[in-house]
C-alpha cells in the first residue's frame, strides 16, 4: 500500500543525500518548486508519471520510493 509519509521521507532523504536542490529537482521533473516541497512534507502525493520519474532519477525502485519495499533495488 502507498504511504504518503514514507514517500515524503524517502524523497527528502534521497534528494539531500545527493545534494540536489528542490528547484533543480523540480526543473528536471517539469513541476513547480512548490510541488516538490509539498511532496517532501507529505502535503501532497505524486502522479504516477512524477513518481516513476523520481524513481528513475534516483535509481531506486518505485516500490521502495512509495513504501512497498525497504529494498531500494526492488
N, C-alpha and C. Protein backbone atom coordinates (compact mmCIF):
# COMPACT_ATOMS: atom_id res chain seq x y z
N UNK A 1 0.83 -1.17 0.00
CA UNK A 1 0.00 0.00 0.00
C UNK A 1 0.88 1.24 0.00
N UNK A 2 0.45 2.27 -0.68
CA UNK A 2 1.16 3.55 -0.75
C UNK A 2 1.12 4.24 0.61
N UNK A 3 2.27 4.73 1.04
CA UNK A 3 2.34 5.51 2.27
C UNK A 3 2.89 6.89 1.94
N UNK A 4 2.04 7.90 2.06
CA UNK A 4 2.46 9.27 1.76
C UNK A 4 3.59 9.71 2.68
N UNK A 5 3.56 9.24 3.93
CA UNK A 5 4.60 9.62 4.89
C UNK A 5 5.95 9.01 4.51
N UNK A 6 5.95 7.74 4.14
CA UNK A 6 7.20 7.09 3.73
C UNK A 6 7.71 7.71 2.44
N UNK A 7 6.80 7.93 1.49
CA UNK A 7 7.17 8.57 0.23
C UNK A 7 7.84 9.91 0.50
N UNK A 8 7.25 10.73 1.34
CA UNK A 8 7.79 12.05 1.66
C UNK A 8 9.18 11.93 2.29
N UNK A 9 9.32 11.05 3.26
CA UNK A 9 10.60 10.89 3.96
C UNK A 9 11.69 10.37 3.01
N UNK A 10 11.33 9.42 2.17
CA UNK A 10 12.34 8.86 1.26
C UNK A 10 12.73 9.86 0.18
N UNK A 11 11.77 10.58 -0.34
CA UNK A 11 12.08 11.60 -1.34
C UNK A 11 13.03 12.64 -0.75
N UNK A 12 12.72 13.13 0.42
CA UNK A 12 13.57 14.12 1.07
C UNK A 12 14.97 13.56 1.31
N UNK A 13 15.05 12.35 1.83
CA UNK A 13 16.35 11.74 2.12
C UNK A 13 17.17 11.53 0.84
N UNK A 14 16.54 11.02 -0.19
CA UNK A 14 17.26 10.80 -1.46
C UNK A 14 17.78 12.11 -2.03
N UNK A 15 16.96 13.13 -1.99
CA UNK A 15 17.38 14.42 -2.54
C UNK A 15 18.54 15.00 -1.75
N UNK A 16 18.44 14.94 -0.43
CA UNK A 16 19.51 15.51 0.41
C UNK A 16 20.80 14.70 0.31
N UNK A 17 20.68 13.35 0.26
CA UNK A 17 21.87 12.51 0.13
C UNK A 17 22.67 12.86 -1.11
N UNK A 18 21.99 13.26 -2.14
CA UNK A 18 22.66 13.57 -3.41
C UNK A 18 22.96 15.05 -3.58
N UNK A 19 22.58 15.85 -2.58
CA UNK A 19 22.88 17.28 -2.61
C UNK A 19 22.17 18.05 -3.71
N UNK A 20 20.94 17.66 -3.99
CA UNK A 20 20.17 18.28 -5.06
C UNK A 20 19.19 19.28 -4.45
N UNK A 21 19.15 20.47 -5.00
CA UNK A 21 18.21 21.49 -4.53
C UNK A 21 16.80 21.16 -5.01
N UNK A 22 15.81 21.58 -4.25
CA UNK A 22 14.42 21.36 -4.65
C UNK A 22 14.14 21.96 -6.02
N UNK A 23 14.67 23.14 -6.26
CA UNK A 23 14.43 23.82 -7.53
C UNK A 23 15.01 23.02 -8.70
N UNK A 24 16.21 22.48 -8.53
CA UNK A 24 16.83 21.69 -9.59
C UNK A 24 16.03 20.42 -9.86
N UNK A 25 15.55 19.78 -8.81
CA UNK A 25 14.74 18.58 -8.98
C UNK A 25 13.43 18.93 -9.68
N UNK A 26 12.82 20.01 -9.28
CA UNK A 26 11.56 20.45 -9.90
C UNK A 26 11.76 20.70 -11.39
N UNK A 27 12.84 21.37 -11.75
CA UNK A 27 13.11 21.64 -13.16
C UNK A 27 13.30 20.35 -13.94
N UNK A 28 14.01 19.40 -13.36
CA UNK A 28 14.22 18.12 -14.04
C UNK A 28 12.90 17.39 -14.27
N UNK A 29 12.01 17.47 -13.30
CA UNK A 29 10.73 16.77 -13.38
C UNK A 29 9.69 17.53 -14.20
N UNK A 30 9.92 18.82 -14.40
CA UNK A 30 8.93 19.64 -15.09
C UNK A 30 7.75 20.01 -14.22
N UNK A 31 8.02 20.15 -12.92
CA UNK A 31 6.98 20.55 -11.97
C UNK A 31 7.46 21.80 -11.23
N UNK A 32 6.60 22.36 -10.42
CA UNK A 32 6.99 23.56 -9.68
C UNK A 32 7.79 23.19 -8.42
N UNK A 33 8.56 24.16 -7.98
CA UNK A 33 9.30 24.03 -6.73
C UNK A 33 8.34 23.72 -5.58
N UNK A 34 7.17 24.35 -5.61
CA UNK A 34 6.18 24.16 -4.55
C UNK A 34 5.66 22.72 -4.53
N UNK A 35 5.53 22.12 -5.70
CA UNK A 35 5.06 20.73 -5.75
C UNK A 35 6.09 19.80 -5.09
N UNK A 36 7.36 20.01 -5.36
CA UNK A 36 8.40 19.19 -4.73
C UNK A 36 8.37 19.40 -3.22
N UNK A 37 8.27 20.64 -2.80
CA UNK A 37 8.22 20.95 -1.37
C UNK A 37 7.04 20.25 -0.69
N UNK A 38 5.88 20.30 -1.31
CA UNK A 38 4.69 19.67 -0.72
C UNK A 38 4.79 18.15 -0.72
N UNK A 39 5.43 17.57 -1.73
CA UNK A 39 5.63 16.12 -1.73
C UNK A 39 6.56 15.72 -0.58
N UNK A 40 7.58 16.52 -0.33
CA UNK A 40 8.54 16.21 0.73
C UNK A 40 7.97 16.39 2.13
N UNK A 41 6.94 17.17 2.27
CA UNK A 41 6.33 17.38 3.59
C UNK A 41 5.08 16.52 3.76
N UNK A 42 4.73 15.76 2.74
CA UNK A 42 3.56 14.89 2.84
C UNK A 42 2.24 15.60 2.62
N UNK A 43 2.29 16.85 2.17
CA UNK A 43 1.06 17.60 1.93
C UNK A 43 0.38 17.18 0.63
N UNK A 44 1.12 16.52 -0.24
CA UNK A 44 0.55 16.02 -1.49
C UNK A 44 1.34 14.81 -1.95
N UNK A 45 0.70 13.99 -2.74
CA UNK A 45 1.36 12.85 -3.33
C UNK A 45 1.93 13.24 -4.68
N UNK A 46 2.21 12.25 -5.49
CA UNK A 46 2.75 12.49 -6.82
C UNK A 46 1.92 11.71 -7.83
N UNK A 47 1.82 12.24 -9.01
CA UNK A 47 1.17 11.49 -10.08
C UNK A 47 2.04 10.27 -10.39
N UNK A 48 1.46 9.31 -11.06
CA UNK A 48 2.22 8.12 -11.44
C UNK A 48 3.41 8.52 -12.30
N UNK A 49 3.23 9.45 -13.19
CA UNK A 49 4.31 9.89 -14.07
C UNK A 49 5.45 10.51 -13.27
N UNK A 50 5.13 11.35 -12.30
CA UNK A 50 6.15 12.01 -11.48
C UNK A 50 6.83 10.99 -10.57
N UNK A 51 6.06 10.08 -9.98
CA UNK A 51 6.65 9.05 -9.11
C UNK A 51 7.62 8.17 -9.90
N UNK A 52 7.24 7.78 -11.10
CA UNK A 52 8.15 6.97 -11.94
C UNK A 52 9.39 7.77 -12.31
N UNK A 53 9.22 9.03 -12.64
CA UNK A 53 10.37 9.88 -12.98
C UNK A 53 11.31 10.02 -11.79
N UNK A 54 10.75 10.14 -10.59
CA UNK A 54 11.58 10.23 -9.38
C UNK A 54 12.36 8.93 -9.14
N UNK A 55 11.68 7.81 -9.29
CA UNK A 55 12.35 6.52 -9.11
C UNK A 55 13.50 6.37 -10.11
N UNK A 56 13.25 6.75 -11.35
CA UNK A 56 14.30 6.68 -12.37
C UNK A 56 15.44 7.64 -12.05
N UNK A 57 15.11 8.85 -11.67
CA UNK A 57 16.11 9.88 -11.37
C UNK A 57 17.04 9.45 -10.24
N UNK A 58 16.45 8.87 -9.20
CA UNK A 58 17.26 8.46 -8.04
C UNK A 58 17.73 7.01 -8.15
N UNK A 59 17.38 6.34 -9.23
CA UNK A 59 17.79 4.95 -9.49
C UNK A 59 17.38 4.03 -8.34
N UNK A 60 16.13 4.15 -7.94
CA UNK A 60 15.54 3.26 -6.94
C UNK A 60 14.26 2.69 -7.53
N UNK A 61 13.77 1.62 -6.93
CA UNK A 61 12.51 1.06 -7.42
C UNK A 61 11.34 1.94 -6.98
N UNK A 62 10.30 1.89 -7.76
CA UNK A 62 9.09 2.62 -7.41
C UNK A 62 8.51 2.07 -6.11
N UNK A 63 8.57 0.75 -5.92
CA UNK A 63 8.09 0.14 -4.67
C UNK A 63 8.82 0.70 -3.46
N UNK A 64 10.13 0.88 -3.58
CA UNK A 64 10.90 1.46 -2.48
C UNK A 64 10.45 2.89 -2.21
N UNK A 65 10.34 3.66 -3.26
CA UNK A 65 10.00 5.08 -3.11
C UNK A 65 8.66 5.28 -2.42
N UNK A 66 7.69 4.42 -2.72
CA UNK A 66 6.35 4.62 -2.14
C UNK A 66 6.10 3.79 -0.88
N UNK A 67 7.12 3.09 -0.40
CA UNK A 67 6.99 2.37 0.87
C UNK A 67 6.52 0.96 0.78
N UNK A 68 6.48 0.38 -0.42
CA UNK A 68 6.04 -1.01 -0.57
C UNK A 68 7.18 -2.00 -0.37
N UNK A 69 8.41 -1.50 -0.31
CA UNK A 69 9.59 -2.32 -0.09
C UNK A 69 10.63 -1.50 0.65
N UNK A 70 11.45 -2.18 1.42
CA UNK A 70 12.55 -1.49 2.08
C UNK A 70 13.86 -1.65 1.32
N UNK A 71 13.80 -2.34 0.19
CA UNK A 71 14.97 -2.55 -0.64
C UNK A 71 14.92 -1.57 -1.82
N UNK A 72 15.89 -0.66 -1.90
CA UNK A 72 15.86 0.33 -2.99
C UNK A 72 15.95 -0.27 -4.39
N UNK A 73 16.42 -1.51 -4.48
CA UNK A 73 16.61 -2.13 -5.79
C UNK A 73 15.39 -2.88 -6.29
N UNK A 74 14.41 -3.13 -5.43
CA UNK A 74 13.21 -3.82 -5.88
C UNK A 74 11.99 -3.43 -5.11
